[in-house]
Amino acid sequence: MNTAVTFEYQTNGSVKMKVTGKLIGHKARNGLDLLKSVVEQGHRDIILDLRECTSTDSLGDAILEWIHTQNGSLSVNVMKSIFSTNVISAFN
């Protein structure tokens, strides 16, 4: 499975970040940079779709850690993968 990180603006104003494949390395780093950019543009309602994410490394985990450090300034709905880790479940 190829890795992809996509962003989709929803009609209700939220932004959906969808991850397919492995969230590792430069793809994870780019995904975090894009997420930060979306938030800097004023979007605070985020849907993080990890249902097709097969694994993460420390860079992929950094996305979840960054969300956690926003101290409640974001509204994040995590759609968990069947391969969820304790890191992901900590956000629900």
N, C-alpha and C. Protein backbone atom coordinates (compact mmCIF):
# COMPACT_ATOMS: atom_id res chain seq x y z
N MET A 1 0.84 -1.18 0.00
CA MET A 1 0.00 0.00 0.00
C MET A 1 0.89 1.24 0.00
N ASN A 2 0.62 2.15 -0.88
CA ASN A 2 1.34 3.42 -0.92
C ASN A 2 0.88 4.31 0.22
N THR A 3 1.81 5.09 0.72
CA THR A 3 1.49 6.04 1.79
C THR A 3 0.98 7.33 1.20
N ALA A 4 -0.09 7.86 1.79
CA ALA A 4 -0.63 9.15 1.36
C ALA A 4 -1.18 9.88 2.58
N VAL A 5 -0.94 11.17 2.62
CA VAL A 5 -1.53 12.06 3.61
C VAL A 5 -2.29 13.11 2.83
N THR A 6 -3.61 13.13 3.00
CA THR A 6 -4.43 14.08 2.25
C THR A 6 -5.26 14.93 3.20
N PHE A 7 -5.58 16.13 2.74
CA PHE A 7 -6.41 17.05 3.51
C PHE A 7 -7.64 17.37 2.67
N GLU A 8 -8.79 17.36 3.33
CA GLU A 8 -10.05 17.62 2.64
C GLU A 8 -10.88 18.58 3.50
N TYR A 9 -11.27 19.69 2.92
CA TYR A 9 -12.10 20.66 3.63
C TYR A 9 -13.55 20.19 3.57
N GLN A 10 -14.18 20.08 4.74
CA GLN A 10 -15.55 19.59 4.86
C GLN A 10 -16.54 20.75 4.76
N THR A 11 -17.77 20.45 4.41
CA THR A 11 -18.79 21.49 4.27
C THR A 11 -19.14 22.15 5.60
N ASN A 12 -18.88 21.47 6.71
CA ASN A 12 -19.19 22.05 8.03
C ASN A 12 -18.05 22.91 8.57
N GLY A 13 -16.99 23.11 7.77
CA GLY A 13 -15.88 23.95 8.18
C GLY A 13 -14.70 23.19 8.76
N SER A 14 -14.87 21.92 9.04
CA SER A 14 -13.76 21.14 9.58
C SER A 14 -12.82 20.71 8.45
N VAL A 15 -11.65 20.25 8.85
CA VAL A 15 -10.66 19.76 7.89
C VAL A 15 -10.35 18.31 8.24
N LYS A 16 -10.44 17.44 7.25
CA LYS A 16 -10.16 16.02 7.45
C LYS A 16 -8.76 15.71 6.94
N MET A 17 -7.93 15.19 7.83
CA MET A 17 -6.59 14.73 7.47
C MET A 17 -6.65 13.20 7.43
N LYS A 18 -6.48 12.63 6.24
CA LYS A 18 -6.58 11.18 6.07
C LYS A 18 -5.20 10.60 5.79
N VAL A 19 -4.88 9.53 6.51
CA VAL A 19 -3.59 8.86 6.34
C VAL A 19 -3.86 7.44 5.86
N THR A 20 -3.21 7.06 4.76
CA THR A 20 -3.26 5.67 4.29
C THR A 20 -1.83 5.15 4.23
N GLY A 21 -1.66 3.90 4.62
CA GLY A 21 -0.33 3.29 4.61
C GLY A 21 0.46 3.64 5.86
N LYS A 22 1.79 3.62 5.72
CA LYS A 22 2.69 3.87 6.84
C LYS A 22 2.94 5.36 7.02
N LEU A 23 2.68 5.85 8.23
CA LEU A 23 2.93 7.26 8.54
C LEU A 23 4.33 7.35 9.15
N ILE A 24 5.32 7.37 8.27
CA ILE A 24 6.72 7.33 8.71
C ILE A 24 7.56 8.30 7.89
N GLY A 25 8.73 8.62 8.44
CA GLY A 25 9.73 9.39 7.70
C GLY A 25 9.25 10.71 7.17
N HIS A 26 9.69 11.02 5.95
CA HIS A 26 9.39 12.34 5.38
C HIS A 26 7.90 12.54 5.13
N LYS A 27 7.15 11.46 4.89
CA LYS A 27 5.69 11.60 4.71
C LYS A 27 5.06 12.10 6.01
N ALA A 28 5.51 11.57 7.14
CA ALA A 28 4.99 12.02 8.43
C ALA A 28 5.40 13.46 8.71
N ARG A 29 6.65 13.78 8.42
CA ARG A 29 7.14 15.14 8.65
C ARG A 29 6.36 16.14 7.80
N ASN A 30 6.13 15.79 6.53
CA ASN A 30 5.35 16.66 5.65
C ASN A 30 3.90 16.78 6.12
N GLY A 31 3.34 15.67 6.61
CA GLY A 31 1.98 15.70 7.13
C GLY A 31 1.85 16.64 8.32
N LEU A 32 2.83 16.61 9.22
CA LEU A 32 2.82 17.51 10.37
C LEU A 32 2.94 18.96 9.93
N ASP A 33 3.82 19.22 8.98
CA ASP A 33 3.97 20.59 8.47
C ASP A 33 2.67 21.10 7.85
N LEU A 34 2.01 20.23 7.08
CA LEU A 34 0.73 20.62 6.47
C LEU A 34 -0.35 20.85 7.52
N LEU A 35 -0.39 19.99 8.52
CA LEU A 35 -1.38 20.15 9.59
C LEU A 35 -1.16 21.48 10.32
N LYS A 36 0.08 21.78 10.63
CA LYS A 36 0.39 23.06 11.29
C LYS A 36 -0.05 24.24 10.42
N SER A 37 0.17 24.13 9.12
CA SER A 37 -0.23 25.19 8.20
C SER A 37 -1.75 25.38 8.20
N VAL A 38 -2.48 24.27 8.19
CA VAL A 38 -3.95 24.33 8.22
C VAL A 38 -4.41 25.03 9.50
N VAL A 39 -3.79 24.69 10.63
CA VAL A 39 -4.17 25.29 11.91
C VAL A 39 -3.81 26.77 11.92
N GLU A 40 -2.65 27.12 11.37
CA GLU A 40 -2.24 28.53 11.29
C GLU A 40 -3.21 29.36 10.45
N GLN A 41 -3.89 28.72 9.51
CA GLN A 41 -4.89 29.40 8.68
C GLN A 41 -6.20 29.61 9.44
N GLY A 42 -6.27 29.11 10.66
CA GLY A 42 -7.44 29.33 11.50
C GLY A 42 -8.38 28.16 11.65
N HIS A 43 -8.07 27.04 11.04
CA HIS A 43 -8.93 25.86 11.16
C HIS A 43 -8.63 25.17 12.49
N ARG A 44 -9.65 24.99 13.31
CA ARG A 44 -9.48 24.40 14.64
C ARG A 44 -10.23 23.08 14.80
N ASP A 45 -11.12 22.77 13.88
CA ASP A 45 -11.91 21.54 13.94
C ASP A 45 -11.29 20.55 12.96
N ILE A 46 -10.60 19.54 13.51
CA ILE A 46 -9.82 18.61 12.70
C ILE A 46 -10.38 17.20 12.86
N ILE A 47 -10.51 16.50 11.75
CA ILE A 47 -10.83 15.07 11.76
C ILE A 47 -9.56 14.36 11.32
N LEU A 48 -9.02 13.53 12.19
CA LEU A 48 -7.80 12.78 11.89
C LEU A 48 -8.20 11.34 11.59
N ASP A 49 -8.24 10.99 10.31
CA ASP A 49 -8.71 9.68 9.86
C ASP A 49 -7.51 8.74 9.72
N LEU A 50 -7.38 7.84 10.70
CA LEU A 50 -6.27 6.87 10.71
C LEU A 50 -6.76 5.45 10.41
N ARG A 51 -7.96 5.32 9.89
CA ARG A 51 -8.52 3.98 9.67
C ARG A 51 -7.71 3.15 8.69
N GLU A 52 -7.00 3.80 7.75
CA GLU A 52 -6.20 3.06 6.78
C GLU A 52 -4.71 3.22 7.03
N CYS A 53 -4.36 3.74 8.21
CA CYS A 53 -2.95 3.87 8.59
C CYS A 53 -2.49 2.52 9.16
N THR A 54 -1.42 1.98 8.59
CA THR A 54 -0.97 0.66 9.02
C THR A 54 0.09 0.70 10.10
N SER A 55 0.86 1.78 10.18
CA SER A 55 1.88 1.90 11.23
C SER A 55 2.42 3.32 11.27
N THR A 56 3.08 3.63 12.39
CA THR A 56 3.75 4.92 12.54
C THR A 56 5.14 4.70 13.11
N ASP A 57 6.00 5.68 12.91
CA ASP A 57 7.28 5.70 13.60
C ASP A 57 7.28 6.92 14.51
N SER A 58 8.43 7.29 15.04
CA SER A 58 8.47 8.44 15.95
C SER A 58 8.04 9.72 15.27
N LEU A 59 8.29 9.86 13.97
CA LEU A 59 7.85 11.05 13.25
C LEU A 59 6.34 11.07 13.07
N GLY A 60 5.76 9.90 12.83
CA GLY A 60 4.30 9.81 12.75
C GLY A 60 3.65 10.09 14.10
N ASP A 61 4.27 9.56 15.15
CA ASP A 61 3.76 9.82 16.50
C ASP A 61 3.84 11.30 16.85
N ALA A 62 4.79 12.02 16.23
CA ALA A 62 4.95 13.45 16.51
C ALA A 62 3.70 14.24 16.15
N ILE A 63 2.94 13.77 15.17
CA ILE A 63 1.68 14.44 14.82
C ILE A 63 0.72 14.38 16.00
N LEU A 64 0.58 13.21 16.59
CA LEU A 64 -0.30 13.06 17.75
C LEU A 64 0.21 13.85 18.94
N GLU A 65 1.52 13.83 19.14
CA GLU A 65 2.10 14.59 20.25
C GLU A 65 1.87 16.08 20.06
N TRP A 66 2.02 16.58 18.82
CA TRP A 66 1.80 18.00 18.56
C TRP A 66 0.35 18.38 18.84
N ILE A 67 -0.58 17.55 18.40
CA ILE A 67 -2.00 17.81 18.68
C ILE A 67 -2.21 17.89 20.19
N HIS A 68 -1.61 16.96 20.92
CA HIS A 68 -1.76 16.92 22.38
C HIS A 68 -1.23 18.19 23.04
N THR A 69 -0.16 18.76 22.50
CA THR A 69 0.46 19.96 23.09
C THR A 69 -0.32 21.24 22.81
N GLN A 70 -1.38 21.17 22.02
CA GLN A 70 -2.15 22.37 21.70
C GLN A 70 -3.09 22.78 22.82
N ASN A 71 -3.07 22.03 23.92
CA ASN A 71 -3.78 22.39 25.15
C ASN A 71 -5.25 22.74 24.93
N GLY A 72 -5.93 21.95 24.13
CA GLY A 72 -7.36 22.14 23.96
C GLY A 72 -7.76 23.23 22.98
N SER A 73 -6.80 23.83 22.29
CA SER A 73 -7.16 24.88 21.33
C SER A 73 -7.71 24.29 20.03
N LEU A 74 -7.59 22.97 19.88
CA LEU A 74 -8.12 22.29 18.69
C LEU A 74 -9.24 21.34 19.10
N SER A 75 -10.18 21.14 18.21
CA SER A 75 -11.19 20.11 18.38
C SER A 75 -10.82 19.00 17.40
N VAL A 76 -10.36 17.87 17.93
CA VAL A 76 -9.86 16.79 17.08
C VAL A 76 -10.68 15.53 17.30
N ASN A 77 -11.21 15.00 16.21
CA ASN A 77 -11.91 13.73 16.23
C ASN A 77 -10.99 12.72 15.55
N VAL A 78 -10.55 11.70 16.30
CA VAL A 78 -9.64 10.70 15.75
C VAL A 78 -10.44 9.48 15.34
N MET A 79 -10.34 9.13 14.07
CA MET A 79 -10.95 7.90 13.56
C MET A 79 -9.83 6.87 13.56
N LYS A 80 -9.87 5.95 14.53
CA LYS A 80 -8.76 5.05 14.79
C LYS A 80 -8.68 3.88 13.82
N SER A 81 -7.45 3.49 13.60
CA SER A 81 -7.14 2.30 12.82
C SER A 81 -7.36 1.07 13.69
N ILE A 82 -7.55 -0.07 13.06
CA ILE A 82 -7.62 -1.31 13.83
C ILE A 82 -6.25 -1.63 14.43
N PHE A 83 -5.21 -0.95 13.96
CA PHE A 83 -3.86 -1.15 14.47
C PHE A 83 -3.51 -0.10 15.52
N SER A 84 -4.51 0.49 16.19
CA SER A 84 -4.30 1.59 17.12
C SER A 84 -3.33 1.23 18.23
N THR A 85 -2.58 2.25 18.63
CA THR A 85 -1.65 2.09 19.74
C THR A 85 -2.19 2.85 20.94
N ASN A 86 -1.53 2.70 22.07
CA ASN A 86 -1.93 3.45 23.26
C ASN A 86 -1.81 4.94 23.05
N VAL A 87 -0.87 5.37 22.20
CA VAL A 87 -0.70 6.79 21.93
C VAL A 87 -1.98 7.35 21.31
N ILE A 88 -2.55 6.64 20.35
CA ILE A 88 -3.76 7.10 19.69
C ILE A 88 -4.94 7.08 20.65
N SER A 89 -5.08 6.03 21.44
CA SER A 89 -6.23 5.93 22.33
C SER A 89 -6.20 6.98 23.43
N ALA A 90 -5.05 7.55 23.70
CA ALA A 90 -4.95 8.59 24.73
C ALA A 90 -5.69 9.86 24.33
N PHE A 91 -6.01 10.03 23.06
CA PHE A 91 -6.68 11.24 22.59
C PHE A 91 -8.19 11.11 22.59
N ASN A 92 -8.72 9.98 22.96
CA ASN A 92 -10.18 9.79 22.97
C ASN A 92 -10.72 9.72 24.37
